[in-house]
Amino acid sequence: MKLSKQTLDVLRNFSAINANILIKKGSKLSTLAVAKNIMAEVTVTEKFDKEVGIFNLPELLGIIQMMGDPEIKLEDKFMTLSEGDSKLRYVYADSSILTYPTKDIKMPSEDITFNIDSTQLMQIQKAAAALGVQDVAVVGNGKKLVIQVTDKKNGDGNQYTIDLAAETDKTFTVFFKIENFKHIPDDYEVTISTKNISKFVGKTLGATYYVAVEQDSEWS
């Protein structure tokens, strides 16, 4: 088995959420942040015939990059990576020391829905870095939806706003932490529940991210 570029990109993205991962049998990859405030899942083209526990995913990805495009064989307790006349054994981690999803998440309600594209997501990240702020707010004023990059502790401070070109008859301010925006680049359909959870579904890769909403969000 060889890992496609798309799958490697997904694994790199997941490694930013959690440095370890449990790959279960099949084609579905998933990860859960240690703080349990982000869960992500995606179906890939490869099919894994063994359960694979990786304690240090960035390390494994570095090894794969070093070797180039290795053939990977999954054994019971380790994987073998082969490239030309080189071979490397990489031992699995026991699942008991890993943080991983143990059940699926079902959205408790779908109170806000909108679309956001990859360019807007990139703008949010850049604006937060440029302004030195940590908060992202999805705001509805009873007419339209906007996203604000802001410091919620300083309402009169610098603020970057994106008009989402979406309408709403509700009034709310939903807060996220910018550090939880770890989505792989894509256009997303977003659903937010008043139960303080959100769901981002990628339109191209199909990657799904469940991201916690901050407790001080305001709902009318």
N, C-alpha and C. Protein backbone atom coordinates (compact mmCIF):
# COMPACT_ATOMS: atom_id res chain seq x y z
N MET A 1 0.84 -1.19 0.00
CA MET A 1 0.00 0.00 0.00
C MET A 1 0.88 1.25 0.00
N LYS A 2 0.47 2.22 -0.81
CA LYS A 2 1.11 3.53 -0.78
C LYS A 2 0.04 4.56 -0.42
N LEU A 3 0.44 5.58 0.31
CA LEU A 3 -0.49 6.62 0.71
C LEU A 3 -0.51 7.72 -0.33
N SER A 4 -1.71 8.10 -0.76
CA SER A 4 -1.86 9.16 -1.75
C SER A 4 -1.50 10.51 -1.14
N LYS A 5 -1.23 11.48 -1.99
CA LYS A 5 -0.93 12.84 -1.52
C LYS A 5 -2.10 13.39 -0.71
N GLN A 6 -3.32 13.11 -1.17
CA GLN A 6 -4.50 13.61 -0.47
C GLN A 6 -4.57 13.04 0.95
N THR A 7 -4.30 11.75 1.09
CA THR A 7 -4.33 11.12 2.41
C THR A 7 -3.22 11.66 3.30
N LEU A 8 -2.04 11.86 2.73
CA LEU A 8 -0.94 12.45 3.50
C LEU A 8 -1.29 13.87 3.96
N ASP A 9 -1.95 14.63 3.09
CA ASP A 9 -2.38 15.99 3.47
C ASP A 9 -3.38 15.93 4.63
N VAL A 10 -4.30 14.97 4.57
CA VAL A 10 -5.27 14.80 5.66
C VAL A 10 -4.56 14.45 6.96
N LEU A 11 -3.60 13.52 6.89
CA LEU A 11 -2.88 13.12 8.10
C LEU A 11 -2.07 14.27 8.67
N ARG A 12 -1.47 15.09 7.82
CA ARG A 12 -0.75 16.27 8.32
C ARG A 12 -1.71 17.22 9.02
N ASN A 13 -2.88 17.40 8.43
CA ASN A 13 -3.89 18.26 9.05
C ASN A 13 -4.34 17.68 10.39
N PHE A 14 -4.58 16.38 10.43
CA PHE A 14 -5.02 15.74 11.68
C PHE A 14 -3.93 15.83 12.75
N SER A 15 -2.67 15.79 12.33
CA SER A 15 -1.58 15.85 13.31
C SER A 15 -1.52 17.20 14.01
N ALA A 16 -2.11 18.24 13.39
CA ALA A 16 -2.18 19.55 14.04
C ALA A 16 -3.30 19.58 15.09
N ILE A 17 -4.23 18.64 15.00
CA ILE A 17 -5.31 18.54 15.98
C ILE A 17 -4.88 17.67 17.15
N ASN A 18 -4.22 16.55 16.83
CA ASN A 18 -3.71 15.63 17.84
C ASN A 18 -2.50 14.92 17.26
N ALA A 19 -1.41 14.89 18.01
CA ALA A 19 -0.16 14.29 17.51
C ALA A 19 -0.24 12.78 17.44
N ASN A 20 -1.25 12.16 18.09
CA ASN A 20 -1.39 10.71 17.94
C ASN A 20 -2.72 10.37 17.28
N ILE A 21 -2.80 9.15 16.76
CA ILE A 21 -3.99 8.73 16.02
C ILE A 21 -4.15 7.22 16.10
N LEU A 22 -5.39 6.77 16.13
CA LEU A 22 -5.69 5.35 16.01
C LEU A 22 -6.42 5.16 14.69
N ILE A 23 -5.76 4.50 13.74
CA ILE A 23 -6.37 4.21 12.45
C ILE A 23 -7.05 2.85 12.56
N LYS A 24 -8.35 2.84 12.41
CA LYS A 24 -9.10 1.60 12.52
C LYS A 24 -9.22 0.92 11.15
N LYS A 25 -9.62 -0.34 11.16
CA LYS A 25 -9.78 -1.07 9.90
C LYS A 25 -10.80 -0.38 9.01
N GLY A 26 -10.50 -0.32 7.72
CA GLY A 26 -11.40 0.32 6.78
C GLY A 26 -10.78 1.56 6.16
N SER A 27 -11.61 2.46 5.69
CA SER A 27 -11.14 3.64 4.96
C SER A 27 -11.46 4.95 5.65
N LYS A 28 -11.96 4.89 6.86
CA LYS A 28 -12.32 6.10 7.58
C LYS A 28 -11.22 6.48 8.56
N LEU A 29 -10.71 7.70 8.43
CA LEU A 29 -9.73 8.24 9.37
C LEU A 29 -10.44 9.24 10.28
N SER A 30 -10.08 9.24 11.56
CA SER A 30 -10.67 10.20 12.48
C SER A 30 -9.66 10.58 13.54
N THR A 31 -9.88 11.74 14.14
CA THR A 31 -9.00 12.20 15.22
C THR A 31 -9.80 13.02 16.21
N LEU A 32 -9.28 13.11 17.43
CA LEU A 32 -9.93 13.86 18.49
C LEU A 32 -8.87 14.63 19.25
N ALA A 33 -9.07 15.93 19.40
CA ALA A 33 -8.12 16.75 20.17
C ALA A 33 -8.08 16.27 21.62
N VAL A 34 -6.92 16.40 22.24
CA VAL A 34 -6.76 15.97 23.63
C VAL A 34 -7.77 16.70 24.52
N ALA A 35 -8.04 17.96 24.23
CA ALA A 35 -9.03 18.73 25.00
C ALA A 35 -10.46 18.37 24.64
N LYS A 36 -10.63 17.52 23.63
CA LYS A 36 -11.93 17.04 23.17
C LYS A 36 -12.83 18.16 22.66
N ASN A 37 -12.22 19.23 22.16
CA ASN A 37 -12.99 20.34 21.61
C ASN A 37 -13.01 20.35 20.08
N ILE A 38 -12.28 19.42 19.46
CA ILE A 38 -12.30 19.26 18.00
C ILE A 38 -12.29 17.76 17.69
N MET A 39 -13.19 17.35 16.81
CA MET A 39 -13.14 16.00 16.27
C MET A 39 -13.24 16.11 14.75
N ALA A 40 -12.46 15.31 14.04
CA ALA A 40 -12.47 15.35 12.59
C ALA A 40 -12.50 13.94 12.03
N GLU A 41 -13.12 13.79 10.86
CA GLU A 41 -13.19 12.49 10.22
C GLU A 41 -13.29 12.66 8.71
N VAL A 42 -12.76 11.68 7.99
CA VAL A 42 -12.80 11.72 6.54
C VAL A 42 -12.64 10.30 6.01
N THR A 43 -13.24 10.01 4.87
CA THR A 43 -13.06 8.73 4.21
C THR A 43 -12.03 8.89 3.11
N VAL A 44 -11.01 8.03 3.09
CA VAL A 44 -9.93 8.11 2.11
C VAL A 44 -10.03 6.95 1.13
N THR A 45 -9.20 6.98 0.10
CA THR A 45 -9.25 5.95 -0.93
C THR A 45 -8.59 4.64 -0.48
N GLU A 46 -7.61 4.75 0.43
CA GLU A 46 -6.93 3.56 0.92
C GLU A 46 -7.82 2.78 1.90
N LYS A 47 -7.61 1.48 1.95
CA LYS A 47 -8.31 0.64 2.92
C LYS A 47 -7.29 -0.02 3.82
N PHE A 48 -7.38 0.21 5.12
CA PHE A 48 -6.45 -0.34 6.10
C PHE A 48 -7.00 -1.67 6.60
N ASP A 49 -6.19 -2.72 6.50
CA ASP A 49 -6.65 -4.05 6.93
C ASP A 49 -6.20 -4.41 8.34
N LYS A 50 -5.54 -3.48 9.00
CA LYS A 50 -5.12 -3.67 10.39
C LYS A 50 -5.43 -2.39 11.17
N GLU A 51 -5.62 -2.54 12.49
CA GLU A 51 -5.72 -1.36 13.35
C GLU A 51 -4.32 -0.86 13.64
N VAL A 52 -4.11 0.43 13.44
CA VAL A 52 -2.76 1.01 13.54
C VAL A 52 -2.79 2.15 14.55
N GLY A 53 -2.05 2.01 15.63
CA GLY A 53 -1.92 3.08 16.61
C GLY A 53 -0.60 3.81 16.44
N ILE A 54 -0.67 5.11 16.26
CA ILE A 54 0.53 5.93 16.06
C ILE A 54 0.60 6.97 17.18
N PHE A 55 1.66 6.92 17.99
CA PHE A 55 1.80 7.87 19.09
C PHE A 55 2.31 9.22 18.63
N ASN A 56 3.20 9.23 17.63
CA ASN A 56 3.80 10.47 17.15
C ASN A 56 3.60 10.56 15.64
N LEU A 57 2.44 11.05 15.24
CA LEU A 57 2.10 11.12 13.82
C LEU A 57 3.04 12.05 13.04
N PRO A 58 3.42 13.23 13.57
CA PRO A 58 4.38 14.06 12.83
C PRO A 58 5.69 13.32 12.56
N GLU A 59 6.13 12.50 13.49
CA GLU A 59 7.36 11.73 13.29
C GLU A 59 7.20 10.77 12.13
N LEU A 60 6.10 10.03 12.11
CA LEU A 60 5.86 9.08 11.02
C LEU A 60 5.77 9.79 9.67
N LEU A 61 5.08 10.92 9.64
CA LEU A 61 4.96 11.68 8.38
C LEU A 61 6.32 12.18 7.92
N GLY A 62 7.19 12.55 8.88
CA GLY A 62 8.55 12.96 8.53
C GLY A 62 9.34 11.82 7.94
N ILE A 63 9.14 10.62 8.46
CA ILE A 63 9.83 9.44 7.92
C ILE A 63 9.37 9.15 6.50
N ILE A 64 8.07 9.22 6.28
CA ILE A 64 7.54 8.99 4.93
C ILE A 64 8.09 10.01 3.95
N GLN A 65 8.15 11.28 4.37
CA GLN A 65 8.71 12.33 3.51
C GLN A 65 10.19 12.06 3.23
N MET A 66 10.92 11.63 4.24
CA MET A 66 12.35 11.34 4.08
C MET A 66 12.57 10.22 3.06
N MET A 67 11.72 9.20 3.11
CA MET A 67 11.90 8.04 2.23
C MET A 67 11.39 8.29 0.82
N GLY A 68 10.51 9.28 0.68
CA GLY A 68 10.03 9.62 -0.66
C GLY A 68 8.60 9.14 -0.87
N ASP A 69 8.45 7.94 -1.39
CA ASP A 69 7.13 7.37 -1.65
C ASP A 69 7.15 5.88 -1.30
N PRO A 70 7.29 5.57 0.00
CA PRO A 70 7.52 4.18 0.38
C PRO A 70 6.30 3.29 0.23
N GLU A 71 6.56 2.03 -0.02
CA GLU A 71 5.53 0.99 0.05
C GLU A 71 5.34 0.66 1.53
N ILE A 72 4.09 0.59 1.98
CA ILE A 72 3.80 0.34 3.39
C ILE A 72 3.07 -0.99 3.53
N LYS A 73 3.62 -1.84 4.37
CA LYS A 73 3.00 -3.13 4.67
C LYS A 73 2.64 -3.16 6.15
N LEU A 74 1.38 -3.43 6.42
CA LEU A 74 0.90 -3.44 7.79
C LEU A 74 1.00 -4.84 8.38
N GLU A 75 1.82 -4.96 9.40
CA GLU A 75 1.93 -6.22 10.14
C GLU A 75 1.07 -6.12 11.41
N ASP A 76 1.10 -7.16 12.24
CA ASP A 76 0.26 -7.17 13.43
C ASP A 76 0.70 -6.14 14.47
N LYS A 77 2.02 -5.96 14.64
CA LYS A 77 2.53 -5.09 15.69
C LYS A 77 3.36 -3.93 15.17
N PHE A 78 3.61 -3.90 13.88
CA PHE A 78 4.41 -2.82 13.30
C PHE A 78 4.11 -2.73 11.80
N MET A 79 4.53 -1.62 11.21
CA MET A 79 4.45 -1.48 9.76
C MET A 79 5.87 -1.48 9.20
N THR A 80 5.99 -1.94 7.97
CA THR A 80 7.26 -1.91 7.27
C THR A 80 7.16 -0.93 6.12
N LEU A 81 8.06 0.03 6.08
CA LEU A 81 8.12 1.01 5.00
C LEU A 81 9.33 0.68 4.14
N SER A 82 9.11 0.49 2.84
CA SER A 82 10.19 0.10 1.93
C SER A 82 10.26 1.06 0.75
N GLU A 83 11.47 1.47 0.43
CA GLU A 83 11.72 2.35 -0.72
C GLU A 83 13.08 1.97 -1.31
N GLY A 84 13.09 1.40 -2.53
CA GLY A 84 14.35 0.96 -3.12
C GLY A 84 15.00 -0.12 -2.26
N ASP A 85 16.25 0.10 -1.89
CA ASP A 85 16.95 -0.88 -1.04
C ASP A 85 16.87 -0.53 0.44
N SER A 86 16.00 0.42 0.79
CA SER A 86 15.85 0.84 2.20
C SER A 86 14.57 0.29 2.79
N LYS A 87 14.64 -0.05 4.06
CA LYS A 87 13.47 -0.59 4.76
C LYS A 87 13.48 -0.08 6.20
N LEU A 88 12.31 0.24 6.71
CA LEU A 88 12.21 0.75 8.07
C LEU A 88 11.03 0.08 8.77
N ARG A 89 11.25 -0.36 10.00
CA ARG A 89 10.17 -0.91 10.83
C ARG A 89 9.69 0.16 11.79
N TYR A 90 8.38 0.37 11.82
CA TYR A 90 7.79 1.39 12.70
C TYR A 90 6.74 0.69 13.57
N VAL A 91 7.00 0.67 14.89
CA VAL A 91 6.19 -0.09 15.83
C VAL A 91 4.93 0.69 16.21
N TYR A 92 3.79 -0.01 16.28
CA TYR A 92 2.53 0.61 16.66
C TYR A 92 2.52 0.96 18.16
N ALA A 93 1.72 1.95 18.49
CA ALA A 93 1.46 2.30 19.89
C ALA A 93 0.20 1.58 20.36
N ASP A 94 0.16 1.25 21.64
CA ASP A 94 -1.03 0.63 22.21
C ASP A 94 -2.16 1.66 22.28
N SER A 95 -3.36 1.24 21.95
CA SER A 95 -4.49 2.18 21.92
C SER A 95 -4.76 2.81 23.28
N SER A 96 -4.34 2.15 24.36
CA SER A 96 -4.62 2.65 25.71
C SER A 96 -3.91 3.97 26.01
N ILE A 97 -2.87 4.31 25.24
CA ILE A 97 -2.15 5.57 25.49
C ILE A 97 -2.50 6.64 24.46
N LEU A 98 -3.49 6.37 23.63
CA LEU A 98 -3.88 7.31 22.58
C LEU A 98 -5.22 7.98 22.91
N THR A 99 -5.42 9.18 22.37
CA THR A 99 -6.70 9.86 22.45
C THR A 99 -7.36 9.78 21.08
N TYR A 100 -8.55 9.20 21.02
CA TYR A 100 -9.20 9.00 19.72
C TYR A 100 -10.71 8.94 19.91
N PRO A 101 -11.50 9.19 18.86
CA PRO A 101 -12.96 9.12 18.99
C PRO A 101 -13.42 7.69 19.26
N THR A 102 -14.34 7.55 20.19
CA THR A 102 -14.90 6.23 20.49
C THR A 102 -16.35 6.10 20.05
N LYS A 103 -16.96 7.20 19.64
CA LYS A 103 -18.34 7.15 19.14
C LYS A 103 -18.57 8.31 18.18
N ASP A 104 -19.58 8.15 17.34
CA ASP A 104 -19.93 9.19 16.39
C ASP A 104 -20.64 10.34 17.11
N ILE A 105 -20.54 11.52 16.53
CA ILE A 105 -21.24 12.69 17.06
C ILE A 105 -22.48 12.95 16.22
N LYS A 106 -23.60 13.16 16.89
CA LYS A 106 -24.83 13.55 16.21
C LYS A 106 -25.20 14.95 16.66
N MET A 107 -25.38 15.84 15.69
CA MET A 107 -25.73 17.22 16.04
C MET A 107 -27.07 17.25 16.78
N PRO A 108 -27.11 17.88 17.97
CA PRO A 108 -28.35 17.89 18.75
C PRO A 108 -29.44 18.77 18.14
N SER A 109 -29.02 19.77 17.37
CA SER A 109 -29.97 20.64 16.65
C SER A 109 -29.20 21.36 15.56
N GLU A 110 -29.93 21.90 14.59
CA GLU A 110 -29.31 22.65 13.49
C GLU A 110 -29.95 24.03 13.45
N ASP A 111 -29.38 24.95 14.25
CA ASP A 111 -30.02 26.24 14.45
C ASP A 111 -29.51 27.33 13.51
N ILE A 112 -28.27 27.20 13.04
CA ILE A 112 -27.68 28.16 12.10
C ILE A 112 -26.98 27.37 11.00
N THR A 113 -27.19 27.73 9.77
CA THR A 113 -26.48 27.10 8.65
C THR A 113 -26.01 28.17 7.67
N PHE A 114 -24.81 27.99 7.15
CA PHE A 114 -24.28 28.90 6.13
C PHE A 114 -23.10 28.21 5.45
N ASN A 115 -22.61 28.83 4.40
CA ASN A 115 -21.45 28.33 3.67
C ASN A 115 -20.27 29.29 3.84
N ILE A 116 -19.08 28.71 3.88
CA ILE A 116 -17.87 29.52 3.94
C ILE A 116 -16.84 28.89 3.01
N ASP A 117 -16.15 29.70 2.23
CA ASP A 117 -15.22 29.12 1.26
C ASP A 117 -13.78 29.15 1.79
N SER A 118 -12.91 28.48 1.06
CA SER A 118 -11.52 28.32 1.51
C SER A 118 -10.80 29.66 1.60
N THR A 119 -11.12 30.60 0.71
CA THR A 119 -10.49 31.92 0.76
C THR A 119 -10.89 32.67 2.03
N GLN A 120 -12.16 32.59 2.40
CA GLN A 120 -12.62 33.24 3.62
C GLN A 120 -11.98 32.64 4.86
N LEU A 121 -11.84 31.31 4.88
CA LEU A 121 -11.17 30.67 6.01
C LEU A 121 -9.72 31.14 6.14
N MET A 122 -9.06 31.30 5.00
CA MET A 122 -7.68 31.78 5.01
C MET A 122 -7.62 33.23 5.50
N GLN A 123 -8.59 34.03 5.08
CA GLN A 123 -8.64 35.43 5.51
C GLN A 123 -8.83 35.53 7.02
N ILE A 124 -9.64 34.64 7.58
CA ILE A 124 -9.87 34.63 9.03
C ILE A 124 -8.56 34.36 9.77
N GLN A 125 -7.82 33.35 9.30
CA GLN A 125 -6.55 33.02 9.93
C GLN A 125 -5.56 34.18 9.83
N LYS A 126 -5.45 34.76 8.65
CA LYS A 126 -4.50 35.86 8.45
C LYS A 126 -4.88 37.10 9.27
N ALA A 127 -6.17 37.38 9.33
CA ALA A 127 -6.62 38.56 10.08
C ALA A 127 -6.35 38.38 11.57
N ALA A 128 -6.59 37.17 12.10
CA ALA A 128 -6.33 36.92 13.51
C ALA A 128 -4.86 37.09 13.84
N ALA A 129 -3.99 36.61 12.93
CA ALA A 129 -2.55 36.76 13.14
C ALA A 129 -2.13 38.23 13.06
N ALA A 130 -2.68 38.95 12.08
CA ALA A 130 -2.30 40.35 11.89
C ALA A 130 -2.76 41.22 13.04
N LEU A 131 -3.96 40.95 13.57
CA LEU A 131 -4.51 41.75 14.65
C LEU A 131 -4.07 41.27 16.03
N GLY A 132 -3.52 40.05 16.07
CA GLY A 132 -3.08 39.51 17.36
C GLY A 132 -4.24 39.19 18.28
N VAL A 133 -5.36 38.70 17.70
CA VAL A 133 -6.54 38.37 18.50
C VAL A 133 -6.84 36.88 18.39
N GLN A 134 -7.66 36.38 19.30
CA GLN A 134 -7.91 34.93 19.39
C GLN A 134 -9.36 34.53 19.16
N ASP A 135 -10.24 35.52 18.96
CA ASP A 135 -11.68 35.21 18.91
C ASP A 135 -12.25 35.37 17.50
N VAL A 136 -13.14 34.43 17.16
CA VAL A 136 -13.90 34.50 15.92
C VAL A 136 -15.37 34.45 16.30
N ALA A 137 -16.15 35.37 15.76
CA ALA A 137 -17.58 35.44 16.10
C ALA A 137 -18.42 35.31 14.83
N VAL A 138 -19.41 34.43 14.88
CA VAL A 138 -20.45 34.38 13.84
C VAL A 138 -21.63 35.17 14.39
N VAL A 139 -21.99 36.24 13.70
CA VAL A 139 -22.97 37.18 14.23
C VAL A 139 -24.18 37.28 13.31
N GLY A 140 -25.35 37.14 13.89
CA GLY A 140 -26.60 37.37 13.17
C GLY A 140 -27.35 38.52 13.82
N ASN A 141 -27.82 39.47 13.00
CA ASN A 141 -28.52 40.64 13.57
C ASN A 141 -30.00 40.64 13.23
N GLY A 142 -30.53 39.47 12.87
CA GLY A 142 -31.94 39.37 12.49
C GLY A 142 -32.16 39.58 11.02
N LYS A 143 -31.10 39.95 10.32
CA LYS A 143 -31.20 40.16 8.87
C LYS A 143 -30.13 39.40 8.09
N LYS A 144 -28.86 39.60 8.50
CA LYS A 144 -27.78 38.96 7.75
C LYS A 144 -26.74 38.36 8.69
N LEU A 145 -25.87 37.55 8.12
CA LEU A 145 -24.81 36.86 8.85
C LEU A 145 -23.45 37.44 8.48
N VAL A 146 -22.61 37.67 9.49
CA VAL A 146 -21.22 38.07 9.24
C VAL A 146 -20.32 37.25 10.16
N ILE A 147 -19.04 37.19 9.79
CA ILE A 147 -18.02 36.64 10.67
C ILE A 147 -17.08 37.77 11.06
N GLN A 148 -16.78 37.84 12.35
CA GLN A 148 -15.88 38.87 12.85
C GLN A 148 -14.67 38.22 13.51
N VAL A 149 -13.50 38.74 13.18
CA VAL A 149 -12.26 38.37 13.88
C VAL A 149 -12.01 39.49 14.87
N THR A 150 -12.01 39.16 16.17
CA THR A 150 -12.11 40.22 17.16
C THR A 150 -11.48 39.80 18.49
N ASP A 151 -11.46 40.72 19.42
CA ASP A 151 -11.14 40.43 20.81
C ASP A 151 -12.42 40.67 21.60
N LYS A 152 -13.08 39.60 22.03
CA LYS A 152 -14.39 39.75 22.65
C LYS A 152 -14.34 40.49 23.98
N LYS A 153 -13.15 40.62 24.55
CA LYS A 153 -13.00 41.36 25.80
C LYS A 153 -12.87 42.86 25.55
N ASN A 154 -12.72 43.23 24.29
CA ASN A 154 -12.56 44.65 23.94
C ASN A 154 -13.44 44.95 22.74
N GLY A 155 -14.70 45.21 23.01
CA GLY A 155 -15.67 45.43 21.95
C GLY A 155 -15.38 46.65 21.08
N ASP A 156 -14.56 47.58 21.59
CA ASP A 156 -14.23 48.78 20.82
C ASP A 156 -12.88 48.66 20.12
N GLY A 157 -12.29 47.47 20.16
CA GLY A 157 -10.97 47.27 19.57
C GLY A 157 -11.02 46.99 18.08
N ASN A 158 -9.87 46.65 17.51
CA ASN A 158 -9.78 46.35 16.09
C ASN A 158 -10.61 45.11 15.76
N GLN A 159 -11.17 45.13 14.57
CA GLN A 159 -12.08 44.04 14.18
C GLN A 159 -12.07 43.87 12.66
N TYR A 160 -12.05 42.63 12.22
CA TYR A 160 -12.09 42.31 10.78
C TYR A 160 -13.40 41.57 10.52
N THR A 161 -14.16 42.01 9.52
CA THR A 161 -15.49 41.46 9.26
C THR A 161 -15.60 40.92 7.85
N ILE A 162 -16.22 39.75 7.72
CA ILE A 162 -16.53 39.15 6.42
C ILE A 162 -18.05 39.00 6.33
N ASP A 163 -18.64 39.58 5.29
CA ASP A 163 -20.07 39.42 5.04
C ASP A 163 -20.27 38.06 4.36
N LEU A 164 -21.05 37.19 4.97
CA LEU A 164 -21.25 35.84 4.45
C LEU A 164 -22.32 35.76 3.36
N ALA A 165 -22.92 36.88 3.02
CA ALA A 165 -23.96 36.91 1.98
C ALA A 165 -25.05 35.89 2.28
N ALA A 166 -25.41 35.78 3.56
CA ALA A 166 -26.47 34.87 3.99
C ALA A 166 -27.45 35.62 4.88
N GLU A 167 -28.70 35.21 4.82
CA GLU A 167 -29.74 35.89 5.60
C GLU A 167 -30.12 35.05 6.82
N THR A 168 -30.59 35.74 7.87
CA THR A 168 -31.10 35.06 9.06
C THR A 168 -32.16 35.93 9.72
N ASP A 169 -33.14 35.28 10.35
CA ASP A 169 -34.15 36.03 11.10
C ASP A 169 -33.86 35.96 12.60
N LYS A 170 -32.67 35.44 12.95
CA LYS A 170 -32.30 35.26 14.36
C LYS A 170 -31.21 36.26 14.75
N THR A 171 -31.12 36.50 16.06
CA THR A 171 -30.09 37.37 16.61
C THR A 171 -29.19 36.55 17.53
N PHE A 172 -27.90 36.57 17.27
CA PHE A 172 -26.98 35.74 18.06
C PHE A 172 -25.55 36.22 17.84
N THR A 173 -24.68 35.85 18.75
CA THR A 173 -23.23 36.01 18.59
C THR A 173 -22.60 34.70 19.08
N VAL A 174 -22.04 33.95 18.14
CA VAL A 174 -21.46 32.64 18.45
C VAL A 174 -19.94 32.77 18.40
N PHE A 175 -19.29 32.47 19.51
CA PHE A 175 -17.84 32.63 19.60
C PHE A 175 -17.10 31.30 19.41
N PHE A 176 -15.98 31.39 18.69
CA PHE A 176 -15.01 30.31 18.55
C PHE A 176 -13.63 30.84 18.93
N LYS A 177 -12.73 29.94 19.27
CA LYS A 177 -11.32 30.29 19.40
C LYS A 177 -10.63 30.03 18.07
N ILE A 178 -9.81 30.97 17.63
CA ILE A 178 -9.12 30.82 16.35
C ILE A 178 -8.24 29.58 16.35
N GLU A 179 -7.73 29.19 17.50
CA GLU A 179 -6.86 28.01 17.59
C GLU A 179 -7.60 26.71 17.25
N ASN A 180 -8.94 26.77 17.27
CA ASN A 180 -9.73 25.59 16.92
C ASN A 180 -10.10 25.52 15.44
N PHE A 181 -9.69 26.53 14.68
CA PHE A 181 -9.93 26.53 13.24
C PHE A 181 -8.74 25.84 12.56
N LYS A 182 -8.79 24.52 12.51
CA LYS A 182 -7.70 23.72 11.96
C LYS A 182 -8.15 22.95 10.72
N HIS A 183 -9.09 23.49 9.99
CA HIS A 183 -9.67 22.81 8.84
C HIS A 183 -8.67 22.70 7.68
N ILE A 184 -8.72 21.58 6.99
CA ILE A 184 -7.95 21.45 5.76
C ILE A 184 -8.59 22.39 4.74
N PRO A 185 -7.80 23.06 3.87
CA PRO A 185 -8.38 24.01 2.92
C PRO A 185 -9.49 23.40 2.07
N ASP A 186 -10.65 24.00 2.09
CA ASP A 186 -11.80 23.53 1.33
C ASP A 186 -12.93 24.53 1.53
N ASP A 187 -13.99 24.38 0.75
CA ASP A 187 -15.22 25.13 0.99
C ASP A 187 -16.09 24.28 1.92
N TYR A 188 -16.75 24.92 2.89
CA TYR A 188 -17.48 24.17 3.91
C TYR A 188 -18.93 24.61 4.04
N GLU A 189 -19.78 23.62 4.32
CA GLU A 189 -21.14 23.89 4.77
C GLU A 189 -21.10 23.81 6.29
N VAL A 190 -21.56 24.86 6.95
CA VAL A 190 -21.43 24.97 8.41
C VAL A 190 -22.80 24.90 9.07
N THR A 191 -22.88 24.11 10.13
CA THR A 191 -24.09 24.02 10.94
C THR A 191 -23.70 24.28 12.39
N ILE A 192 -24.46 25.13 13.08
CA ILE A 192 -24.19 25.44 14.47
C ILE A 192 -25.44 25.15 15.30
N SER A 193 -25.22 24.51 16.45
CA SER A 193 -26.31 24.21 17.37
C SER A 193 -26.21 25.10 18.59
N THR A 194 -27.35 25.46 19.16
CA THR A 194 -27.37 26.22 20.40
C THR A 194 -26.83 25.40 21.58
N LYS A 195 -26.59 24.13 21.35
CA LYS A 195 -26.00 23.26 22.39
C LYS A 195 -24.47 23.38 22.39
N ASN A 196 -23.97 24.43 21.74
CA ASN A 196 -22.54 24.78 21.75
C ASN A 196 -21.64 23.78 21.03
N ILE A 197 -22.11 23.35 19.86
CA ILE A 197 -21.29 22.52 18.98
C ILE A 197 -21.57 22.94 17.54
N SER A 198 -20.55 22.81 16.69
CA SER A 198 -20.69 23.15 15.28
C SER A 198 -20.16 22.02 14.42
N LYS A 199 -20.59 22.02 13.17
CA LYS A 199 -20.18 20.98 12.23
C LYS A 199 -19.79 21.66 10.91
N PHE A 200 -18.58 21.37 10.44
CA PHE A 200 -18.09 21.88 9.16
C PHE A 200 -17.90 20.69 8.22
N VAL A 201 -18.60 20.68 7.09
CA VAL A 201 -18.50 19.58 6.14
C VAL A 201 -17.87 20.08 4.85
N GLY A 202 -16.70 19.54 4.50
CA GLY A 202 -15.99 19.96 3.30
C GLY A 202 -16.70 19.51 2.04
N LYS A 203 -16.79 20.40 1.07
CA LYS A 203 -17.53 20.10 -0.15
C LYS A 203 -16.71 19.32 -1.18
N THR A 204 -15.38 19.36 -1.06
CA THR A 204 -14.54 18.67 -2.03
C THR A 204 -14.02 17.35 -1.47
N LEU A 205 -13.35 17.40 -0.32
CA LEU A 205 -12.76 16.21 0.27
C LEU A 205 -13.74 15.43 1.15
N GLY A 206 -14.80 16.11 1.59
CA GLY A 206 -15.76 15.45 2.46
C GLY A 206 -15.30 15.35 3.90
N ALA A 207 -14.21 16.03 4.25
CA ALA A 207 -13.75 16.02 5.64
C ALA A 207 -14.77 16.74 6.51
N THR A 208 -15.05 16.17 7.68
CA THR A 208 -16.02 16.74 8.60
C THR A 208 -15.33 17.08 9.92
N TYR A 209 -15.56 18.32 10.39
CA TYR A 209 -14.97 18.78 11.65
C TYR A 209 -16.09 19.19 12.59
N TYR A 210 -16.05 18.65 13.81
CA TYR A 210 -16.95 19.09 14.88
C TYR A 210 -16.12 19.97 15.80
N VAL A 211 -16.54 21.21 15.96
CA VAL A 211 -15.76 22.19 16.72
C VAL A 211 -16.63 22.77 17.83
N ALA A 212 -16.07 22.81 19.03
CA ALA A 212 -16.80 23.34 20.18
C ALA A 212 -17.05 24.84 20.02
N VAL A 213 -18.23 25.27 20.42
CA VAL A 213 -18.61 26.67 20.48
C VAL A 213 -18.34 27.15 21.91
N GLU A 214 -17.84 28.37 22.05
CA GLU A 214 -17.51 28.90 23.38
C GLU A 214 -18.78 29.09 24.23
N GLN A 215 -18.62 28.83 25.52
CA GLN A 215 -19.76 28.84 26.44
C GLN A 215 -20.42 30.22 26.59
N ASP A 216 -19.66 31.29 26.32
CA ASP A 216 -20.24 32.63 26.49
C ASP A 216 -20.90 33.16 25.22
N SER A 217 -21.20 32.27 24.28
CA SER A 217 -21.94 32.67 23.09
C SER A 217 -23.33 33.16 23.51
N GLU A 218 -23.88 34.07 22.71
CA GLU A 218 -25.15 34.71 23.07
C GLU A 218 -26.23 34.35 22.06
N TRP A 219 -27.37 33.87 22.57
CA TRP A 219 -28.49 33.49 21.72
C TRP A 219 -29.73 34.29 22.14
N SER A 220 -30.47 34.76 21.15
CA SER A 220 -31.70 35.51 21.48
C SER A 220 -32.84 34.54 21.74
